[in-house]
N, C-alpha and C. Protein backbone atom coordinates (compact mmCIF):
# COMPACT_ATOMS: atom_id res chain seq x y z
N MET A 1 81.80 162.13 -22.01
CA MET A 1 82.18 160.85 -22.56
C MET A 1 81.19 159.76 -22.16
N ASP A 2 80.71 159.83 -20.92
CA ASP A 2 79.75 158.83 -20.46
C ASP A 2 78.48 158.85 -21.32
N GLU A 3 78.05 160.06 -21.67
CA GLU A 3 76.85 160.19 -22.50
C GLU A 3 77.05 159.52 -23.86
N LEU A 4 78.22 159.73 -24.46
CA LEU A 4 78.50 159.12 -25.77
C LEU A 4 78.46 157.60 -25.68
N PHE A 5 79.10 157.06 -24.66
CA PHE A 5 79.12 155.60 -24.50
C PHE A 5 77.74 155.05 -24.16
N SER A 6 76.96 155.80 -23.40
CA SER A 6 75.61 155.38 -23.08
C SER A 6 74.75 155.30 -24.34
N VAL A 7 74.88 156.28 -25.21
CA VAL A 7 74.13 156.27 -26.47
C VAL A 7 74.58 155.10 -27.34
N LEU A 8 75.87 154.87 -27.39
CA LEU A 8 76.40 153.80 -28.25
C LEU A 8 76.25 152.41 -27.66
N ALA A 9 75.79 152.30 -26.42
CA ALA A 9 75.65 150.99 -25.77
C ALA A 9 74.54 150.15 -26.39
N ASN A 10 73.61 150.78 -27.08
CA ASN A 10 72.48 150.05 -27.67
C ASN A 10 72.70 149.84 -29.16
N ALA A 11 72.52 148.60 -29.62
CA ALA A 11 72.77 148.25 -31.02
C ALA A 11 71.84 148.99 -31.98
N GLN A 12 70.60 149.21 -31.59
CA GLN A 12 69.67 149.90 -32.48
C GLN A 12 70.05 151.37 -32.65
N ARG A 13 70.48 152.01 -31.59
CA ARG A 13 70.94 153.39 -31.70
C ARG A 13 72.21 153.48 -32.52
N ARG A 14 73.13 152.52 -32.35
CA ARG A 14 74.35 152.49 -33.17
C ARG A 14 73.99 152.33 -34.63
N ARG A 15 73.01 151.48 -34.93
CA ARG A 15 72.60 151.27 -36.32
C ARG A 15 72.07 152.56 -36.93
N ILE A 16 71.23 153.27 -36.20
CA ILE A 16 70.69 154.55 -36.68
C ILE A 16 71.82 155.53 -36.96
N LEU A 17 72.72 155.67 -36.02
CA LEU A 17 73.84 156.61 -36.18
C LEU A 17 74.77 156.19 -37.30
N ASN A 18 75.03 154.88 -37.42
CA ASN A 18 75.89 154.40 -38.51
C ASN A 18 75.26 154.61 -39.88
N GLU A 19 73.95 154.42 -39.97
CA GLU A 19 73.26 154.69 -41.24
C GLU A 19 73.38 156.16 -41.60
N LEU A 20 73.23 157.01 -40.61
CA LEU A 20 73.34 158.44 -40.83
C LEU A 20 74.77 158.82 -41.19
N LEU A 21 75.74 158.20 -40.55
CA LEU A 21 77.15 158.45 -40.86
C LEU A 21 77.44 158.03 -42.29
N ALA A 22 77.02 156.85 -42.70
CA ALA A 22 77.26 156.36 -44.06
C ALA A 22 76.59 157.26 -45.08
N THR A 23 75.37 157.66 -44.83
CA THR A 23 74.64 158.53 -45.74
C THR A 23 75.31 159.89 -45.83
N SER A 24 75.73 160.42 -44.70
CA SER A 24 76.33 161.75 -44.71
C SER A 24 77.71 161.73 -45.37
N LEU A 25 78.43 160.63 -45.28
CA LEU A 25 79.72 160.53 -45.96
C LEU A 25 79.55 160.52 -47.47
N GLN A 26 78.47 159.90 -47.94
CA GLN A 26 78.22 159.82 -49.38
C GLN A 26 77.70 161.14 -49.94
N THR A 27 77.07 161.95 -49.10
CA THR A 27 76.38 163.14 -49.61
C THR A 27 76.80 164.42 -48.91
N ASP A 28 77.93 164.43 -48.24
CA ASP A 28 78.41 165.61 -47.51
C ASP A 28 77.43 166.07 -46.44
N GLY A 29 76.69 165.15 -45.85
CA GLY A 29 75.82 165.48 -44.74
C GLY A 29 74.48 166.05 -45.10
N GLY A 30 74.12 166.04 -46.37
CA GLY A 30 72.88 166.68 -46.78
C GLY A 30 71.67 165.78 -46.87
N GLU A 31 71.80 164.51 -46.65
CA GLU A 31 70.68 163.59 -46.84
C GLU A 31 70.02 163.23 -45.52
N GLU A 32 68.79 162.79 -45.64
CA GLU A 32 68.05 162.33 -44.47
C GLU A 32 67.75 160.85 -44.62
N ILE A 33 67.48 160.23 -43.49
CA ILE A 33 67.07 158.84 -43.45
C ILE A 33 65.61 158.83 -43.01
N LEU A 34 64.81 157.98 -43.59
CA LEU A 34 63.40 157.91 -43.21
C LEU A 34 63.15 156.67 -42.37
N TYR A 35 62.41 156.83 -41.29
CA TYR A 35 62.00 155.74 -40.42
C TYR A 35 60.48 155.76 -40.29
N PRO A 36 59.76 155.49 -41.39
CA PRO A 36 58.29 155.49 -41.27
C PRO A 36 57.83 154.32 -40.41
N ALA A 37 56.93 154.61 -39.50
CA ALA A 37 56.48 153.63 -38.51
C ALA A 37 55.93 152.36 -39.15
N GLU A 38 55.22 152.51 -40.26
CA GLU A 38 54.58 151.34 -40.86
C GLU A 38 55.56 150.31 -41.40
N GLU A 39 56.83 150.65 -41.53
CA GLU A 39 57.81 149.71 -42.04
C GLU A 39 58.42 148.83 -40.95
N PHE A 40 58.05 149.06 -39.71
CA PHE A 40 58.63 148.31 -38.61
C PHE A 40 57.57 147.49 -37.89
N PRO A 41 57.93 146.29 -37.42
CA PRO A 41 56.98 145.53 -36.60
C PRO A 41 56.60 146.37 -35.37
N GLU A 42 55.41 146.14 -34.86
CA GLU A 42 54.88 146.97 -33.77
C GLU A 42 55.80 147.02 -32.56
N GLU A 43 56.40 145.89 -32.20
CA GLU A 43 57.28 145.89 -31.02
C GLU A 43 58.52 146.76 -31.24
N HIS A 44 58.98 146.87 -32.48
CA HIS A 44 60.13 147.73 -32.78
C HIS A 44 59.72 149.19 -32.89
N GLN A 45 58.49 149.44 -33.36
CA GLN A 45 57.99 150.81 -33.46
C GLN A 45 57.99 151.48 -32.09
N THR A 46 57.48 150.76 -31.10
CA THR A 46 57.39 151.32 -29.76
C THR A 46 58.77 151.69 -29.24
N GLU A 47 59.70 150.77 -29.35
CA GLU A 47 61.06 151.02 -28.86
C GLU A 47 61.74 152.14 -29.64
N LEU A 48 61.57 152.11 -30.96
CA LEU A 48 62.21 153.11 -31.82
C LEU A 48 61.64 154.50 -31.56
N TYR A 49 60.31 154.62 -31.54
CA TYR A 49 59.66 155.93 -31.45
C TYR A 49 59.52 156.47 -30.03
N HIS A 50 59.62 155.61 -29.03
CA HIS A 50 59.46 156.09 -27.66
C HIS A 50 60.74 156.02 -26.85
N ASN A 51 61.80 155.48 -27.44
CA ASN A 51 63.07 155.38 -26.72
C ASN A 51 64.23 155.90 -27.56
N HIS A 52 64.58 155.17 -28.62
CA HIS A 52 65.83 155.43 -29.32
C HIS A 52 65.86 156.76 -30.07
N LEU A 53 64.87 157.03 -30.92
CA LEU A 53 64.87 158.29 -31.66
C LEU A 53 64.75 159.50 -30.73
N PRO A 54 63.84 159.48 -29.74
CA PRO A 54 63.79 160.63 -28.83
C PRO A 54 65.09 160.82 -28.04
N ARG A 55 65.69 159.74 -27.63
CA ARG A 55 66.94 159.84 -26.85
C ARG A 55 68.06 160.46 -27.69
N LEU A 56 68.19 160.02 -28.93
CA LEU A 56 69.22 160.58 -29.81
C LEU A 56 68.92 162.04 -30.14
N SER A 57 67.65 162.35 -30.32
CA SER A 57 67.25 163.72 -30.62
C SER A 57 67.49 164.66 -29.44
N GLU A 58 67.10 164.23 -28.25
CA GLU A 58 67.29 165.06 -27.05
C GLU A 58 68.77 165.31 -26.78
N ALA A 59 69.61 164.35 -27.11
CA ALA A 59 71.06 164.50 -26.92
C ALA A 59 71.67 165.40 -27.99
N GLY A 60 70.91 165.67 -29.06
CA GLY A 60 71.42 166.53 -30.13
C GLY A 60 72.21 165.82 -31.20
N PHE A 61 72.24 164.48 -31.17
CA PHE A 61 73.00 163.74 -32.17
C PHE A 61 72.24 163.60 -33.48
N ILE A 62 70.91 163.68 -33.41
CA ILE A 62 70.08 163.65 -34.61
C ILE A 62 69.04 164.76 -34.52
N ASP A 63 68.51 165.13 -35.67
CA ASP A 63 67.30 165.94 -35.74
C ASP A 63 66.24 165.01 -36.30
N TRP A 64 65.16 164.83 -35.55
CA TRP A 64 64.12 163.86 -35.90
C TRP A 64 62.80 164.58 -36.07
N ASN A 65 62.19 164.42 -37.22
CA ASN A 65 60.87 164.96 -37.49
C ASN A 65 59.87 163.84 -37.24
N GLN A 66 59.13 163.91 -36.16
CA GLN A 66 58.20 162.85 -35.78
C GLN A 66 57.07 162.69 -36.79
N ASN A 67 56.69 163.77 -37.45
CA ASN A 67 55.59 163.70 -38.41
C ASN A 67 55.95 162.94 -39.68
N THR A 68 57.17 163.14 -40.16
CA THR A 68 57.58 162.49 -41.41
C THR A 68 58.43 161.25 -41.18
N GLY A 69 58.99 161.11 -39.96
CA GLY A 69 59.89 160.01 -39.68
C GLY A 69 61.29 160.25 -40.20
N SER A 70 61.60 161.49 -40.62
CA SER A 70 62.92 161.76 -41.17
C SER A 70 63.94 162.06 -40.07
N VAL A 71 65.15 161.61 -40.31
CA VAL A 71 66.26 161.81 -39.38
C VAL A 71 67.42 162.39 -40.16
N THR A 72 67.99 163.47 -39.63
CA THR A 72 69.19 164.07 -40.20
C THR A 72 70.21 164.26 -39.09
N ARG A 73 71.41 164.62 -39.48
CA ARG A 73 72.46 164.87 -38.49
C ARG A 73 72.06 166.02 -37.58
N GLY A 74 72.23 165.82 -36.29
CA GLY A 74 71.93 166.86 -35.31
C GLY A 74 73.14 167.75 -35.07
N PRO A 75 72.96 168.78 -34.26
CA PRO A 75 74.05 169.73 -34.01
C PRO A 75 75.26 169.12 -33.31
N ARG A 76 75.06 168.00 -32.61
CA ARG A 76 76.17 167.35 -31.91
C ARG A 76 76.66 166.09 -32.61
N PHE A 77 76.20 165.83 -33.83
CA PHE A 77 76.57 164.60 -34.53
C PHE A 77 78.09 164.47 -34.67
N ASN A 78 78.76 165.58 -34.92
CA ASN A 78 80.22 165.53 -35.10
C ASN A 78 80.97 165.10 -33.84
N GLU A 79 80.33 165.22 -32.68
CA GLU A 79 80.95 164.76 -31.43
C GLU A 79 80.99 163.23 -31.36
N ILE A 80 80.01 162.58 -31.94
CA ILE A 80 79.91 161.13 -31.83
C ILE A 80 80.46 160.40 -33.06
N SER A 81 80.56 161.10 -34.18
CA SER A 81 81.00 160.43 -35.42
C SER A 81 82.40 159.83 -35.34
N PRO A 82 83.39 160.45 -34.67
CA PRO A 82 84.69 159.79 -34.57
C PRO A 82 84.63 158.45 -33.84
N LEU A 83 83.80 158.38 -32.80
CA LEU A 83 83.65 157.10 -32.09
C LEU A 83 82.97 156.07 -32.98
N LEU A 84 81.98 156.48 -33.74
CA LEU A 84 81.31 155.56 -34.67
C LEU A 84 82.31 154.99 -35.67
N GLU A 85 83.15 155.85 -36.19
CA GLU A 85 84.15 155.40 -37.17
C GLU A 85 85.13 154.42 -36.54
N ARG A 86 85.54 154.66 -35.29
CA ARG A 86 86.48 153.77 -34.61
C ARG A 86 85.85 152.42 -34.31
N ILE A 87 84.59 152.41 -33.93
CA ILE A 87 83.89 151.17 -33.61
C ILE A 87 83.76 150.30 -34.85
N LYS A 88 83.54 150.91 -35.99
CA LYS A 88 83.36 150.17 -37.22
C LYS A 88 84.64 149.46 -37.65
N ASN A 89 85.78 150.01 -37.30
CA ASN A 89 87.08 149.43 -37.72
C ASN A 89 87.58 148.39 -36.77
């Protein structure tokens, strides 16, 4: 439980997970989200690519392809999705 709350403590990580939750609800979990580096200001790129995406990926909540910038639901996404839904309400 501590790990889930730690991941959700950051607004940028919550945004990534919420985008993935919204996309997966619309498409039964089959879609990916793209986070190409060139679309973000440099200060956000560093934080996103060296902190938030790796942290979510290592925890198993997302699958992140560093080469393409694509993010899909990870093997543990279903563990965190109920909390995401509760936070939104």
